[in-house]
């Protein structure tokens, strides 16, 4: 992802924003994968 930060406020820490967003996306993907595995396991073992 490329963001033009040249016109932004100097007090903004864009590197930290990008790191936080990347962590959020990674956590979301991991959560979705775990939920899919949980549902697949429930479908296999409980039905």
N, C-alpha and C. Protein backbone atom coordinates (compact mmCIF):
# COMPACT_ATOMS: atom_id res chain seq x y z
N UNK A 1 0.84 -1.16 0.00
CA UNK A 1 0.00 0.00 0.00
C UNK A 1 0.90 1.23 0.00
N UNK A 2 0.58 2.15 -0.87
CA UNK A 2 1.37 3.37 -0.97
C UNK A 2 0.51 4.58 -0.63
N UNK A 3 0.97 5.35 0.33
CA UNK A 3 0.25 6.54 0.76
C UNK A 3 1.18 7.73 0.64
N UNK A 4 0.72 8.79 -0.01
CA UNK A 4 1.51 10.01 -0.14
C UNK A 4 1.38 10.81 1.15
N UNK A 5 2.45 10.85 1.94
CA UNK A 5 2.42 11.56 3.22
C UNK A 5 3.10 12.91 3.14
N UNK A 6 3.42 13.37 1.93
CA UNK A 6 4.15 14.64 1.79
C UNK A 6 3.30 15.83 2.22
N UNK A 7 1.98 15.75 2.08
CA UNK A 7 1.12 16.88 2.44
C UNK A 7 0.54 16.76 3.83
N UNK A 8 0.99 15.78 4.60
CA UNK A 8 0.43 15.55 5.92
C UNK A 8 1.02 16.45 6.99
N UNK A 9 0.46 16.35 8.15
CA UNK A 9 0.93 17.15 9.29
C UNK A 9 2.25 16.57 9.81
N UNK A 10 3.22 17.42 10.15
CA UNK A 10 4.52 16.91 10.59
C UNK A 10 4.47 16.14 11.91
N UNK A 11 3.43 16.35 12.70
CA UNK A 11 3.34 15.64 13.99
C UNK A 11 2.82 14.22 13.84
N UNK A 12 2.33 13.88 12.67
CA UNK A 12 1.77 12.54 12.46
C UNK A 12 2.90 11.54 12.25
N UNK A 13 2.80 10.40 12.94
CA UNK A 13 3.78 9.34 12.81
C UNK A 13 3.23 8.30 11.84
N UNK A 14 3.46 8.54 10.56
CA UNK A 14 2.87 7.68 9.54
C UNK A 14 3.42 6.27 9.57
N UNK A 15 4.67 6.10 9.95
CA UNK A 15 5.23 4.76 10.04
C UNK A 15 4.48 3.94 11.09
N UNK A 16 4.16 4.56 12.22
CA UNK A 16 3.41 3.86 13.26
C UNK A 16 1.97 3.56 12.81
N UNK A 17 1.37 4.48 12.07
CA UNK A 17 0.03 4.25 11.54
C UNK A 17 0.02 3.03 10.62
N UNK A 18 1.02 2.98 9.74
CA UNK A 18 1.11 1.84 8.82
C UNK A 18 1.32 0.54 9.58
N UNK A 19 2.15 0.56 10.61
CA UNK A 19 2.41 -0.65 11.40
C UNK A 19 1.15 -1.10 12.14
N UNK A 20 0.42 -0.14 12.68
CA UNK A 20 -0.83 -0.47 13.38
C UNK A 20 -1.84 -1.07 12.42
N UNK A 21 -1.98 -0.48 11.25
CA UNK A 21 -2.93 -0.98 10.26
C UNK A 21 -2.53 -2.38 9.79
N UNK A 22 -1.24 -2.60 9.57
CA UNK A 22 -0.77 -3.93 9.15
C UNK A 22 -1.06 -4.96 10.24
N UNK A 23 -0.88 -4.59 11.50
CA UNK A 23 -1.19 -5.49 12.60
C UNK A 23 -2.68 -5.80 12.69
N UNK A 24 -3.50 -4.79 12.44
CA UNK A 24 -4.95 -4.98 12.44
C UNK A 24 -5.37 -5.95 11.34
N UNK A 25 -4.84 -5.75 10.15
CA UNK A 25 -5.18 -6.63 9.02
C UNK A 25 -4.70 -8.06 9.31
N UNK A 26 -3.51 -8.21 9.85
CA UNK A 26 -2.97 -9.54 10.18
C UNK A 26 -3.86 -10.23 11.22
N UNK A 27 -4.25 -9.50 12.26
CA UNK A 27 -5.13 -10.06 13.29
C UNK A 27 -6.48 -10.45 12.73
N UNK A 28 -7.00 -9.65 11.82
CA UNK A 28 -8.29 -9.95 11.19
C UNK A 28 -8.20 -11.23 10.36
N UNK A 29 -7.14 -11.36 9.59
CA UNK A 29 -6.97 -12.56 8.76
C UNK A 29 -6.82 -13.80 9.65
N UNK A 30 -6.04 -13.70 10.69
CA UNK A 30 -5.86 -14.84 11.60
C UNK A 30 -7.18 -15.21 12.26
N UNK A 31 -7.95 -14.21 12.67
CA UNK A 31 -9.26 -14.48 13.29
C UNK A 31 -10.21 -15.18 12.32
N UNK A 32 -10.22 -14.73 11.09
CA UNK A 32 -11.10 -15.36 10.09
C UNK A 32 -10.70 -16.80 9.85
N UNK A 33 -9.39 -17.06 9.73
CA UNK A 33 -8.92 -18.43 9.52
C UNK A 33 -9.30 -19.32 10.70
N UNK A 34 -9.12 -18.82 11.92
CA UNK A 34 -9.47 -19.61 13.10
C UNK A 34 -10.98 -19.88 13.17
N UNK A 35 -11.79 -18.90 12.81
CA UNK A 35 -13.24 -19.11 12.81
C UNK A 35 -13.66 -20.15 11.76
N UNK A 36 -13.03 -20.10 10.59
CA UNK A 36 -13.34 -21.09 9.56
C UNK A 36 -12.95 -22.48 10.04
N UNK A 37 -11.79 -22.61 10.67
CA UNK A 37 -11.37 -23.91 11.20
C UNK A 37 -12.33 -24.39 12.30
N UNK A 38 -12.76 -23.49 13.16
CA UNK A 38 -13.70 -23.84 14.21
C UNK A 38 -15.02 -24.33 13.62
N UNK A 39 -15.55 -23.60 12.65
CA UNK A 39 -16.81 -24.01 12.03
C UNK A 39 -16.67 -25.33 11.28
N UNK A 40 -15.55 -25.53 10.59
CA UNK A 40 -15.32 -26.79 9.89
C UNK A 40 -15.24 -27.94 10.89
N UNK A 41 -14.55 -27.72 12.02
CA UNK A 41 -14.45 -28.74 13.04
C UNK A 41 -15.81 -29.06 13.65
N UNK A 42 -16.62 -28.02 13.88
CA UNK A 42 -17.97 -28.25 14.42
C UNK A 42 -18.82 -29.03 13.42
N UNK A 43 -18.71 -28.69 12.13
CA UNK A 43 -19.49 -29.40 11.12
C UNK A 43 -19.08 -30.86 11.03
N UNK A 44 -17.79 -31.12 11.18
CA UNK A 44 -17.30 -32.49 11.08
C UNK A 44 -17.60 -33.32 12.32
N UNK A 45 -17.36 -32.76 13.49
CA UNK A 45 -17.48 -33.54 14.72
C UNK A 45 -18.87 -33.52 15.36
N UNK A 46 -19.66 -32.52 15.09
CA UNK A 46 -20.96 -32.42 15.75
C UNK A 46 -22.13 -32.87 14.89
N UNK A 47 -21.90 -33.10 13.62
CA UNK A 47 -23.00 -33.50 12.74
C UNK A 47 -22.88 -34.96 12.39
